[in-house]
Amino acid sequence: TAIRDKTQIEIYTAALKNKFAGILNITAAEAGRAINGEFGEDST
C-alpha cells in the first residue's frame, strides 16, 4: 500500500493474492497430513 500510494505501482494484484493463498493452502494441507500421521487413520 505504501508503494502504491507513493508510486502508483499496484503490486497486490488478485494474481499475487491467489499465489499467497496457494502457499497458505499447501502449508496447511502438509501440516494437516503430519497431524493425521500422528493422530489420524494414517498413524503408525
PDB file of all heavy atoms in Angstrom:
ATOM      1  N   THR A   1       0.835  -1.203   0.000  1.00  0.00           N
ATOM      2  CA  THR A   1       0.000   0.000   0.000  1.00  0.00           C
ATOM      3  C   THR A   1       0.867   1.249   0.000  1.00  0.00           C
ATOM      4  O   THR A   1       0.580   2.222  -0.712  1.00  0.00           O
ATOM      5  CB  THR A   1      -0.928   0.002   1.234  1.00  0.00           C
ATOM      6  OG1 THR A   1      -1.804  -1.131   1.171  1.00  0.00           O
ATOM      7  CG2 THR A   1      -1.760   1.270   1.282  1.00  0.00           C
ATOM      8  N   ALA A   2       1.944   1.238   0.777  1.00  0.00           N
ATOM      9  CA  ALA A   2       2.851   2.380   0.822  1.00  0.00           C
ATOM     10  C   ALA A   2       3.481   2.634  -0.545  1.00  0.00           C
ATOM     11  O   ALA A   2       3.591   3.789  -0.993  1.00  0.00           O
ATOM     12  CB  ALA A   2       3.935   2.153   1.870  1.00  0.00           C
ATOM     13  N   ILE A   3       3.891   1.551  -1.215  1.00  0.00           N
ATOM     14  CA  ILE A   3       4.473   1.707  -2.556  1.00  0.00           C
ATOM     15  C   ILE A   3       3.442   2.279  -3.521  1.00  0.00           C
ATOM     16  O   ILE A   3       3.730   3.198  -4.305  1.00  0.00           O
ATOM     17  CB  ILE A   3       5.002   0.352  -3.066  1.00  0.00           C
ATOM     18  CG1 ILE A   3       6.210  -0.098  -2.247  1.00  0.00           C
ATOM     19  CG2 ILE A   3       5.385   0.449  -4.551  1.00  0.00           C
ATOM     20  CD1 ILE A   3       6.707  -1.490  -2.584  1.00  0.00           C
ATOM     21  N   ARG A   4       2.228   1.738  -3.467  1.00  0.00           N
ATOM     22  CA  ARG A   4       1.170   2.217  -4.376  1.00  0.00           C
ATOM     23  C   ARG A   4       0.870   3.697  -4.140  1.00  0.00           C
ATOM     24  O   ARG A   4       0.706   4.469  -5.094  1.00  0.00           O
ATOM     25  CB  ARG A   4      -0.098   1.407  -4.155  1.00  0.00           C
ATOM     26  CG  ARG A   4      -1.248   1.784  -5.088  1.00  0.00           C
ATOM     27  CD  ARG A   4      -2.546   1.208  -4.599  1.00  0.00           C
ATOM     28  NE  ARG A   4      -2.897   1.775  -3.299  1.00  0.00           N
ATOM     29  CZ  ARG A   4      -3.751   1.218  -2.461  1.00  0.00           C
ATOM     30  NH1 ARG A   4      -4.322   0.060  -2.739  1.00  0.00           N
ATOM     31  NH2 ARG A   4      -4.023   1.806  -1.300  1.00  0.00           N
ATOM     32  N   ASP A   5       0.813   4.098  -2.871  1.00  0.00           N
ATOM     33  CA  ASP A   5       0.471   5.489  -2.565  1.00  0.00           C
ATOM     34  C   ASP A   5       1.529   6.463  -3.053  1.00  0.00           C
ATOM     35  O   ASP A   5       1.223   7.603  -3.418  1.00  0.00           O
ATOM     36  CB  ASP A   5       0.271   5.651  -1.051  1.00  0.00           C
ATOM     37  CG  ASP A   5      -0.982   4.947  -0.553  1.00  0.00           C
ATOM     38  OD1 ASP A   5      -1.827   4.558  -1.393  1.00  0.00           O
ATOM     39  OD2 ASP A   5      -1.111   4.775   0.681  1.00  0.00           O
ATOM     40  N   LYS A   6       2.798   6.010  -3.060  1.00  0.00           N
ATOM     41  CA  LYS A   6       3.886   6.913  -3.443  1.00  0.00           C
ATOM     42  C   LYS A   6       4.270   6.814  -4.922  1.00  0.00           C
ATOM     43  O   LYS A   6       4.852   7.748  -5.465  1.00  0.00           O
ATOM     44  CB  LYS A   6       5.134   6.606  -2.591  1.00  0.00           C
ATOM     45  CG  LYS A   6       4.967   6.890  -1.110  1.00  0.00           C
ATOM     46  CD  LYS A   6       4.853   8.380  -0.823  1.00  0.00           C
ATOM     47  CE  LYS A   6       4.833   8.650   0.665  1.00  0.00           C
ATOM     48  NZ  LYS A   6       4.756  10.102   0.970  1.00  0.00           N
ATOM     49  N   THR A   7       3.956   5.690  -5.550  1.00  0.00           N
ATOM     50  CA  THR A   7       4.428   5.475  -6.926  1.00  0.00           C
ATOM     51  C   THR A   7       3.327   5.119  -7.914  1.00  0.00           C
ATOM     52  O   THR A   7       3.580   5.088  -9.125  1.00  0.00           O
ATOM     53  CB  THR A   7       5.457   4.334  -6.957  1.00  0.00           C
ATOM     54  OG1 THR A   7       4.789   3.097  -6.652  1.00  0.00           O
ATOM     55  CG2 THR A   7       6.579   4.565  -5.958  1.00  0.00           C
ATOM     56  N   GLN A   8       2.140   4.813  -7.427  1.00  0.00           N
ATOM     57  CA  GLN A   8       1.026   4.328  -8.250  1.00  0.00           C
ATOM     58  C   GLN A   8       1.276   2.938  -8.835  1.00  0.00           C
ATOM     59  O   GLN A   8       0.576   2.510  -9.750  1.00  0.00           O
ATOM     60  CB  GLN A   8       0.729   5.317  -9.402  1.00  0.00           C
ATOM     61  CG  GLN A   8       0.469   6.747  -8.950  1.00  0.00           C
ATOM     62  CD  GLN A   8      -0.648   6.828  -7.911  1.00  0.00           C
ATOM     63  OE1 GLN A   8      -1.735   6.313  -8.135  1.00  0.00           O
ATOM     64  NE2 GLN A   8      -0.366   7.474  -6.792  1.00  0.00           N
ATOM     65  N   ILE A   9       2.267   2.229  -8.316  1.00  0.00           N
ATOM     66  CA  ILE A   9       2.532   0.857  -8.756  1.00  0.00           C
ATOM     67  C   ILE A   9       1.657  -0.081  -7.933  1.00  0.00           C
ATOM     68  O   ILE A   9       1.786  -0.143  -6.708  1.00  0.00           O
ATOM     69  CB  ILE A   9       4.016   0.477  -8.575  1.00  0.00           C
ATOM     70  CG1 ILE A   9       4.918   1.425  -9.366  1.00  0.00           C
ATOM     71  CG2 ILE A   9       4.261  -0.966  -9.007  1.00  0.00           C
ATOM     72  CD1 ILE A   9       6.402   1.245  -9.053  1.00  0.00           C
ATOM     73  N   GLU A  10       0.769  -0.804  -8.590  1.00  0.00           N
ATOM     74  CA  GLU A  10      -0.112  -1.744  -7.901  1.00  0.00           C
ATOM     75  C   GLU A  10       0.539  -3.118  -7.886  1.00  0.00           C
ATOM     76  O   GLU A  10       0.663  -3.767  -8.927  1.00  0.00           O
ATOM     77  CB  GLU A  10      -1.466  -1.820  -8.607  1.00  0.00           C
ATOM     78  CG  GLU A  10      -2.479  -2.712  -7.902  1.00  0.00           C
ATOM     79  CD  GLU A  10      -2.782  -2.238  -6.485  1.00  0.00           C
ATOM     80  OE1 GLU A  10      -3.424  -1.180  -6.325  1.00  0.00           O
ATOM     81  OE2 GLU A  10      -2.349  -2.942  -5.543  1.00  0.00           O
ATOM     82  N   ILE A  11       0.972  -3.550  -6.715  1.00  0.00           N
ATOM     83  CA  ILE A  11       1.664  -4.826  -6.584  1.00  0.00           C
ATOM     84  C   ILE A  11       0.720  -5.917  -6.099  1.00  0.00           C
ATOM     85  O   ILE A  11       0.761  -7.052  -6.577  1.00  0.00           O
ATOM     86  CB  ILE A  11       2.863  -4.697  -5.622  1.00  0.00           C
ATOM     87  CG1 ILE A  11       3.872  -3.685  -6.175  1.00  0.00           C
ATOM     88  CG2 ILE A  11       3.547  -6.048  -5.420  1.00  0.00           C
ATOM     89  CD1 ILE A  11       5.022  -3.383  -5.242  1.00  0.00           C
ATOM     90  N   TYR A  12      -0.151  -5.573  -5.152  1.00  0.00           N
ATOM     91  CA  TYR A  12      -1.002  -6.592  -4.536  1.00  0.00           C
ATOM     92  C   TYR A  12      -2.215  -6.874  -5.423  1.00  0.00           C
ATOM     93  O   TYR A  12      -3.348  -6.568  -5.083  1.00  0.00           O
ATOM     94  CB  TYR A  12      -1.440  -6.132  -3.155  1.00  0.00           C
ATOM     95  CG  TYR A  12      -1.565  -7.261  -2.142  1.00  0.00           C
ATOM     96  CD1 TYR A  12      -1.199  -8.562  -2.452  1.00  0.00           C
ATOM     97  CD2 TYR A  12      -2.014  -7.018  -0.856  1.00  0.00           C
ATOM     98  CE1 TYR A  12      -1.287  -9.578  -1.525  1.00  0.00           C
ATOM     99  CE2 TYR A  12      -2.111  -8.023   0.085  1.00  0.00           C
ATOM    100  CZ  TYR A  12      -1.750  -9.315  -0.268  1.00  0.00           C
ATOM    101  OH  TYR A  12      -1.850 -10.318   0.655  1.00  0.00           O
ATOM    102  N   THR A  13      -1.947  -7.491  -6.544  1.00  0.00           N
ATOM    103  CA  THR A  13      -2.989  -7.825  -7.511  1.00  0.00           C
ATOM    104  C   THR A  13      -3.704  -9.110  -7.089  1.00  0.00           C
ATOM    105  O   THR A  13      -3.258  -9.845  -6.210  1.00  0.00           O
ATOM    106  CB  THR A  13      -2.368  -8.035  -8.895  1.00  0.00           C
ATOM    107  OG1 THR A  13      -1.420  -9.121  -8.813  1.00  0.00           O
ATOM    108  CG2 THR A  13      -1.653  -6.775  -9.371  1.00  0.00           C
ATOM    109  N   ALA A  14      -4.820  -9.407  -7.765  1.00  0.00           N
ATOM    110  CA  ALA A  14      -5.547 -10.653  -7.493  1.00  0.00           C
ATOM    111  C   ALA A  14      -4.654 -11.856  -7.748  1.00  0.00           C
ATOM    112  O   ALA A  14      -4.711 -12.857  -7.018  1.00  0.00           O
ATOM    113  CB  ALA A  14      -6.803 -10.717  -8.360  1.00  0.00           C
ATOM    114  N   ALA A  15      -3.815 -11.771  -8.770  1.00  0.00           N
ATOM    115  CA  ALA A  15      -2.923 -12.891  -9.097  1.00  0.00           C
ATOM    116  C   ALA A  15      -1.956 -13.168  -7.949  1.00  0.00           C
ATOM    117  O   ALA A  15      -1.705 -14.328  -7.592  1.00  0.00           O
ATOM    118  CB  ALA A  15      -2.152 -12.602 -10.376  1.00  0.00           C
ATOM    119  N   LEU A  16      -1.397 -12.107  -7.355  1.00  0.00           N
ATOM    120  CA  LEU A  16      -0.454 -12.308  -6.247  1.00  0.00           C
ATOM    121  C   LEU A  16      -1.183 -12.798  -5.001  1.00  0.00           C
ATOM    122  O   LEU A  16      -0.673 -13.656  -4.273  1.00  0.00           O
ATOM    123  CB  LEU A  16       0.304 -11.015  -5.951  1.00  0.00           C
ATOM    124  CG  LEU A  16       1.420 -11.136  -4.901  1.00  0.00           C
ATOM    125  CD1 LEU A  16       2.430 -12.210  -5.285  1.00  0.00           C
ATOM    126  CD2 LEU A  16       2.121  -9.799  -4.698  1.00  0.00           C
ATOM    127  N   LYS A  17      -2.383 -12.286  -4.758  1.00  0.00           N
ATOM    128  CA  LYS A  17      -3.170 -12.770  -3.614  1.00  0.00           C
ATOM    129  C   LYS A  17      -3.477 -14.251  -3.777  1.00  0.00           C
ATOM    130  O   LYS A  17      -3.412 -15.023  -2.809  1.00  0.00           O
ATOM    131  CB  LYS A  17      -4.458 -11.969  -3.481  1.00  0.00           C
ATOM    132  CG  LYS A  17      -4.240 -10.543  -3.005  1.00  0.00           C
ATOM    133  CD  LYS A  17      -5.548  -9.795  -2.898  1.00  0.00           C
ATOM    134  CE  LYS A  17      -5.327  -8.357  -2.438  1.00  0.00           C
ATOM    135  NZ  LYS A  17      -6.588  -7.601  -2.351  1.00  0.00           N
ATOM    136  N   ASN A  18      -3.795 -14.672  -5.005  1.00  0.00           N
ATOM    137  CA  ASN A  18      -4.033 -16.098  -5.240  1.00  0.00           C
ATOM    138  C   ASN A  18      -2.773 -16.922  -5.008  1.00  0.00           C
ATOM    139  O   ASN A  18      -2.834 -18.048  -4.503  1.00  0.00           O
ATOM    140  CB  ASN A  18      -4.546 -16.315  -6.667  1.00  0.00           C
ATOM    141  CG  ASN A  18      -6.000 -15.929  -6.831  1.00  0.00           C
ATOM    142  OD1 ASN A  18      -6.792 -16.031  -5.896  1.00  0.00           O
ATOM    143  ND2 ASN A  18      -6.369 -15.477  -8.020  1.00  0.00           N
ATOM    144  N   LYS A  19      -1.630 -16.352  -5.383  1.00  0.00           N
ATOM    145  CA  LYS A  19      -0.358 -17.044  -5.149  1.00  0.00           C
ATOM    146  C   LYS A  19      -0.125 -17.221  -3.659  1.00  0.00           C
ATOM    147  O   LYS A  19       0.255 -18.314  -3.193  1.00  0.00           O
ATOM    148  CB  LYS A  19       0.790 -16.258  -5.774  1.00  0.00           C
ATOM    149  CG  LYS A  19       2.138 -16.960  -5.715  1.00  0.00           C
ATOM    150  CD  LYS A  19       3.185 -16.171  -6.484  1.00  0.00           C
ATOM    151  CE  LYS A  19       4.514 -16.918  -6.525  1.00  0.00           C
ATOM    152  NZ  LYS A  19       5.522 -16.176  -7.320  1.00  0.00           N
ATOM    153  N   PHE A  20      -0.353 -16.179  -2.880  1.00  0.00           N
ATOM    154  CA  PHE A  20      -0.206 -16.266  -1.432  1.00  0.00           C
ATOM    155  C   PHE A  20      -1.202 -17.279  -0.860  1.00  0.00           C
ATOM    156  O   PHE A  20      -0.861 -18.065   0.035  1.00  0.00           O
ATOM    157  CB  PHE A  20      -0.428 -14.899  -0.789  1.00  0.00           C
ATOM    158  CG  PHE A  20       0.714 -13.931  -0.977  1.00  0.00           C
ATOM    159  CD1 PHE A  20       0.614 -12.618  -0.535  1.00  0.00           C
ATOM    160  CD2 PHE A  20       1.896 -14.322  -1.590  1.00  0.00           C
ATOM    161  CE1 PHE A  20       1.655 -11.717  -0.692  1.00  0.00           C
ATOM    162  CE2 PHE A  20       2.953 -13.419  -1.761  1.00  0.00           C
ATOM    163  CZ  PHE A  20       2.824 -12.122  -1.314  1.00  0.00           C
ATOM    164  N   ALA A  21      -2.438 -17.230  -1.345  1.00  0.00           N
ATOM    165  CA  ALA A  21      -3.458 -18.171  -0.869  1.00  0.00           C
ATOM    166  C   ALA A  21      -3.035 -19.607  -1.147  1.00  0.00           C
ATOM    167  O   ALA A  21      -3.242 -20.503  -0.318  1.00  0.00           O
ATOM    168  CB  ALA A  21      -4.803 -17.877  -1.528  1.00  0.00           C
ATOM    169  N   GLY A  22      -2.428 -19.834  -2.305  1.00  0.00           N
ATOM    170  CA  GLY A  22      -1.952 -21.172  -2.641  1.00  0.00           C
ATOM    171  C   GLY A  22      -0.858 -21.637  -1.701  1.00  0.00           C
ATOM    172  O   GLY A  22      -0.815 -22.812  -1.306  1.00  0.00           O
ATOM    173  N   ILE A  23       0.035 -20.726  -1.317  1.00  0.00           N
ATOM    174  CA  ILE A  23       1.103 -21.074  -0.371  1.00  0.00           C
ATOM    175  C   ILE A  23       0.505 -21.453   0.978  1.00  0.00           C
ATOM    176  O   ILE A  23       0.904 -22.450   1.599  1.00  0.00           O
ATOM    177  CB  ILE A  23       2.089 -19.904  -0.230  1.00  0.00           C
ATOM    178  CG1 ILE A  23       2.867 -19.687  -1.538  1.00  0.00           C
ATOM    179  CG2 ILE A  23       3.069 -20.151   0.925  1.00  0.00           C
ATOM    180  CD1 ILE A  23       3.701 -18.422  -1.562  1.00  0.00           C
ATOM    181  N   LEU A  24      -0.465 -20.681   1.440  1.00  0.00           N
ATOM    182  CA  LEU A  24      -1.108 -20.986   2.730  1.00  0.00           C
ATOM    183  C   LEU A  24      -1.849 -22.315   2.662  1.00  0.00           C
ATOM    184  O   LEU A  24      -1.815 -23.104   3.617  1.00  0.00           O
ATOM    185  CB  LEU A  24      -2.083 -19.873   3.106  1.00  0.00           C
ATOM    186  CG  LEU A  24      -1.502 -18.488   3.378  1.00  0.00           C
ATOM    187  CD1 LEU A  24      -2.613 -17.540   3.824  1.00  0.00           C
ATOM    188  CD2 LEU A  24      -0.405 -18.537   4.430  1.00  0.00           C
ATOM    189  N   ASN A  25      -2.528 -22.556   1.552  1.00  0.00           N
ATOM    190  CA  ASN A  25      -3.277 -23.804   1.393  1.00  0.00           C
ATOM    191  C   ASN A  25      -2.349 -25.015   1.445  1.00  0.00           C
ATOM    192  O   ASN A  25      -2.621 -26.000   2.148  1.00  0.00           O
ATOM    193  CB  ASN A  25      -4.042 -23.772   0.072  1.00  0.00           C
ATOM    194  CG  ASN A  25      -4.817 -25.050  -0.166  1.00  0.00           C
ATOM    195  OD1 ASN A  25      -5.600 -25.498   0.671  1.00  0.00           O
ATOM    196  ND2 ASN A  25      -4.605 -25.663  -1.323  1.00  0.00           N
ATOM    197  N   ILE A  26      -1.251 -24.947   0.715  1.00  0.00           N
ATOM    198  CA  ILE A  26      -0.289 -26.058   0.706  1.00  0.00           C
ATOM    199  C   ILE A  26       0.315 -26.245   2.099  1.00  0.00           C
ATOM    200  O   ILE A  26       0.484 -27.371   2.579  1.00  0.00           O
ATOM    201  CB  ILE A  26       0.806 -25.803  -0.339  1.00  0.00           C
ATOM    202  CG1 ILE A  26       0.224 -25.913  -1.755  1.00  0.00           C
ATOM    203  CG2 ILE A  26       1.960 -26.790  -0.169  1.00  0.00           C
ATOM    204  CD1 ILE A  26       1.173 -25.487  -2.848  1.00  0.00           C
ATOM    205  N   THR A  27       0.643 -25.131   2.757  1.00  0.00           N
ATOM    206  CA  THR A  27       1.216 -25.204   4.102  1.00  0.00           C
ATOM    207  C   THR A  27       0.275 -25.916   5.060  1.00  0.00           C
ATOM    208  O   THR A  27       0.674 -26.829   5.798  1.00  0.00           O
ATOM    209  CB  THR A  27       1.514 -23.788   4.623  1.00  0.00           C
ATOM    210  OG1 THR A  27       2.494 -23.177   3.774  1.00  0.00           O
ATOM    211  CG2 THR A  27       2.031 -23.822   6.054  1.00  0.00           C
ATOM    212  N   ALA A  28      -0.990 -25.495   5.064  1.00  0.00           N
ATOM    213  CA  ALA A  28      -1.966 -26.096   5.973  1.00  0.00           C
ATOM    214  C   ALA A  28      -2.222 -27.556   5.623  1.00  0.00           C
ATOM    215  O   ALA A  28      -2.370 -28.401   6.509  1.00  0.00           O
ATOM    216  CB  ALA A  28      -3.267 -25.301   5.937  1.00  0.00           C
ATOM    217  N   ALA A  29      -2.264 -27.870   4.318  1.00  0.00           N
ATOM    218  CA  ALA A  29      -2.514 -29.252   3.893  1.00  0.00           C
ATOM    219  C   ALA A  29      -1.370 -30.163   4.313  1.00  0.00           C
ATOM    220  O   ALA A  29      -1.597 -31.283   4.804  1.00  0.00           O
ATOM    221  CB  ALA A  29      -2.714 -29.301   2.384  1.00  0.00           C
ATOM    222  N   GLU A  30      -0.128 -29.702   4.137  1.00  0.00           N
ATOM    223  CA  GLU A  30       1.021 -30.523   4.521  1.00  0.00           C
ATOM    224  C   GLU A  30       1.096 -30.685   6.037  1.00  0.00           C
ATOM    225  O   GLU A  30       1.406 -31.773   6.543  1.00  0.00           O
ATOM    226  CB  GLU A  30       2.299 -29.906   3.969  1.00  0.00           C
ATOM    227  CG  GLU A  30       2.399 -30.000   2.450  1.00  0.00           C
ATOM    228  CD  GLU A  30       3.691 -29.428   1.904  1.00  0.00           C
ATOM    229  OE1 GLU A  30       4.482 -28.861   2.691  1.00  0.00           O
ATOM    230  OE2 GLU A  30       3.911 -29.545   0.681  1.00  0.00           O
ATOM    231  N   ALA A  31       0.808 -29.612   6.755  1.00  0.00           N
ATOM    232  CA  ALA A  31       0.790 -29.714   8.215  1.00  0.00           C
ATOM    233  C   ALA A  31      -0.340 -30.640   8.655  1.00  0.00           C
ATOM    234  O   ALA A  31      -0.185 -31.419   9.610  1.00  0.00           O
ATOM    235  CB  ALA A  31       0.618 -28.335   8.837  1.00  0.00           C
ATOM    236  N   GLY A  32      -1.472 -30.575   7.959  1.00  0.00           N
ATOM    237  CA  GLY A  32      -2.587 -31.453   8.275  1.00  0.00           C
ATOM    238  C   GLY A  32      -2.250 -32.916   8.068  1.00  0.00           C
ATOM    239  O   GLY A  32      -2.658 -33.776   8.856  1.00  0.00           O
ATOM    240  N   ARG A  33      -1.487 -33.199   7.018  1.00  0.00           N
ATOM    241  CA  ARG A  33      -1.068 -34.592   6.792  1.00  0.00           C
ATOM    242  C   ARG A  33      -0.144 -35.060   7.915  1.00  0.00           C
ATOM    243  O   ARG A  33      -0.181 -36.228   8.320  1.00  0.00           O
ATOM    244  CB  ARG A  33      -0.382 -34.723   5.435  1.00  0.00           C
ATOM    245  CG  ARG A  33      -1.362 -34.714   4.263  1.00  0.00           C
ATOM    246  CD  ARG A  33      -0.695 -35.176   2.987  1.00  0.00           C
ATOM    247  NE  ARG A  33       0.221 -34.196   2.449  1.00  0.00           N
ATOM    248  CZ  ARG A  33      -0.136 -33.218   1.626  1.00  0.00           C
ATOM    249  NH1 ARG A  33      -1.403 -33.091   1.257  1.00  0.00           N
ATOM    250  NH2 ARG A  33       0.753 -32.374   1.158  1.00  0.00           N
ATOM    251  N   ALA A  34       0.677 -34.150   8.424  1.00  0.00           N
ATOM    252  CA  ALA A  34       1.546 -34.511   9.549  1.00  0.00           C
ATOM    253  C   ALA A  34       0.710 -34.795  10.796  1.00  0.00           C
ATOM    254  O   ALA A  34       0.990 -35.729  11.547  1.00  0.00           O
ATOM    255  CB  ALA A  34       2.538 -33.379   9.827  1.00  0.00           C
ATOM    256  N   ILE A  35      -0.324 -33.993  10.995  1.00  0.00           N
ATOM    257  CA  ILE A  35      -1.221 -34.227  12.126  1.00  0.00           C
ATOM    258  C   ILE A  35      -1.906 -35.576  11.978  1.00  0.00           C
ATOM    259  O   ILE A  35      -2.021 -36.357  12.928  1.00  0.00           O
ATOM    260  CB  ILE A  35      -2.269 -33.098  12.217  1.00  0.00           C
ATOM    261  CG1 ILE A  35      -1.593 -31.778  12.579  1.00  0.00           C
ATOM    262  CG2 ILE A  35      -3.347 -33.435  13.235  1.00  0.00           C
ATOM    263  CD1 ILE A  35      -2.489 -30.569  12.457  1.00  0.00           C
ATOM    264  N   ASN A  36      -2.351 -35.872  10.757  1.00  0.00           N
ATOM    265  CA  ASN A  36      -3.014 -37.152  10.504  1.00  0.00           C
ATOM    266  C   ASN A  36      -2.055 -38.311  10.759  1.00  0.00           C
ATOM    267  O   ASN A  36      -2.450 -39.375  11.225  1.00  0.00           O
ATOM    268  CB  ASN A  36      -3.533 -37.195   9.068  1.00  0.00           C
ATOM    269  CG  ASN A  36      -4.459 -38.371   8.826  1.00  0.00           C
ATOM    270  OD1 ASN A  36      -5.337 -38.641   9.636  1.00  0.00           O
ATOM    271  ND2 ASN A  36      -4.269 -39.061   7.725  1.00  0.00           N
ATOM    272  N   GLY A  37      -0.777 -38.097  10.453  1.00  0.00           N
ATOM    273  CA  GLY A  37       0.210 -39.138  10.698  1.00  0.00           C
ATOM    274  C   GLY A  37       0.404 -39.418  12.173  1.00  0.00           C
ATOM    275  O   GLY A  37       0.770 -40.529  12.564  1.00  0.00           O
ATOM    276  N   GLU A  38       0.149 -38.402  13.013  1.00  0.00           N
ATOM    277  CA  GLU A  38       0.316 -38.571  14.449  1.00  0.00           C
ATOM    278  C   GLU A  38      -0.947 -39.069  15.140  1.00  0.00           C
ATOM    279  O   GLU A  38      -0.874 -39.824  16.107  1.00  0.00           O
ATOM    280  CB  GLU A  38       0.731 -37.235  15.078  1.00  0.00           C
ATOM    281  CG  GLU A  38       2.108 -36.761  14.643  1.00  0.00           C
ATOM    282  CD  GLU A  38       2.438 -35.376  15.193  1.00  0.00           C
ATOM    283  OE1 GLU A  38       1.677 -34.890  16.062  1.00  0.00           O
ATOM    284  OE2 GLU A  38       3.429 -34.781  14.756  1.00  0.00           O
ATOM    285  N   PHE A  39      -2.113 -38.631  14.628  1.00  0.00           N
ATOM    286  CA  PHE A  39      -3.340 -38.893  15.363  1.00  0.00           C
ATOM    287  C   PHE A  39      -4.438 -39.583  14.552  1.00  0.00           C
ATOM    288  O   PHE A  39      -5.368 -40.131  15.110  1.00  0.00           O
ATOM    289  CB  PHE A  39      -3.927 -37.582  15.907  1.00  0.00           C
ATOM    290  CG  PHE A  39      -3.102 -36.975  16.981  1.00  0.00           C
ATOM    291  CD1 PHE A  39      -2.146 -36.021  16.677  1.00  0.00           C
ATOM    292  CD2 PHE A  39      -3.268 -37.350  18.289  1.00  0.00           C
ATOM    293  CE1 PHE A  39      -1.377 -35.443  17.677  1.00  0.00           C
ATOM    294  CE2 PHE A  39      -2.501 -36.787  19.293  1.00  0.00           C
ATOM    295  CZ  PHE A  39      -1.550 -35.831  18.987  1.00  0.00           C
ATOM    296  N   GLY A  40      -4.355 -39.511  13.239  1.00  0.00           N
ATOM    297  CA  GLY A  40      -5.466 -39.986  12.436  1.00  0.00           C
ATOM    298  C   GLY A  40      -5.304 -41.393  11.927  1.00  0.00           C
ATOM    299  O   GLY A  40      -4.530 -42.198  12.449  1.00  0.00           O
ATOM    300  N   GLU A  41      -6.026 -41.692  10.858  1.00  0.00           N
ATOM    301  CA  GLU A  41      -6.037 -43.046  10.332  1.00  0.00           C
ATOM    302  C   GLU A  41      -4.687 -43.470   9.767  1.00  0.00           C
ATOM    303  O   GLU A  41      -4.413 -44.651   9.635  1.00  0.00           O
ATOM    304  CB  GLU A  41      -7.122 -43.176   9.261  1.00  0.00           C
ATOM    305  CG  GLU A  41      -8.537 -43.020   9.823  1.00  0.00           C
ATOM    306  CD  GLU A  41      -9.586 -43.280   8.768  1.00  0.00           C
ATOM    307  OE1 GLU A  41      -9.192 -43.482   7.594  1.00  0.00           O
ATOM    308  OE2 GLU A  41     -10.768 -43.295   9.098  1.00  0.00           O
ATOM    309  N   ASP A  42      -3.859 -42.506   9.406  1.00  0.00           N
ATOM    310  CA  ASP A  42      -2.547 -42.835   8.852  1.00  0.00           C
ATOM    311  C   ASP A  42      -1.502 -43.097   9.936  1.00  0.00           C
ATOM    312  O   ASP A  42      -0.359 -43.410   9.642  1.00  0.00           O
ATOM    313  CB  ASP A  42      -2.043 -41.691   7.962  1.00  0.00           C
ATOM    314  CG  ASP A  42      -2.924 -41.482   6.751  1.00  0.00           C
ATOM    315  OD1 ASP A  42      -3.665 -42.417   6.409  1.00  0.00           O
ATOM    316  OD2 ASP A  42      -2.873 -40.399   6.160  1.00  0.00           O
ATOM    317  N   SER A  43      -1.901 -42.923  11.188  1.00  0.00           N
ATOM    318  CA  SER A  43      -0.934 -43.014  12.273  1.00  0.00           C
ATOM    319  C   SER A  43      -0.372 -44.423  12.415  1.00  0.00           C
ATOM    320  O   SER A  43      -1.080 -45.408  12.309  1.00  0.00           O
ATOM    321  CB  SER A  43      -1.592 -42.592  13.589  1.00  0.00           C
ATOM    322  OG  SER A  43      -0.712 -42.819  14.661  1.00  0.00           O
ATOM    323  N   THR A  44       0.921 -44.490  12.664  1.00  0.00           N
ATOM    324  CA  THR A  44       1.567 -45.779  12.953  1.00  0.00           C
ATOM    325  C   THR A  44       1.885 -45.899  14.439  1.00  0.00           C
ATOM    326  O   THR A  44       2.430 -46.895  14.881  1.00  0.00           O
ATOM    327  CB  THR A  44       2.875 -45.910  12.151  1.00  0.00           C
ATOM    328  OG1 THR A  44       3.742 -44.837  12.511  1.00  0.00           O
ATOM    329  CG2 THR A  44       2.611 -45.891  10.663  1.00  0.00           C
TER     330      THR A  44
END
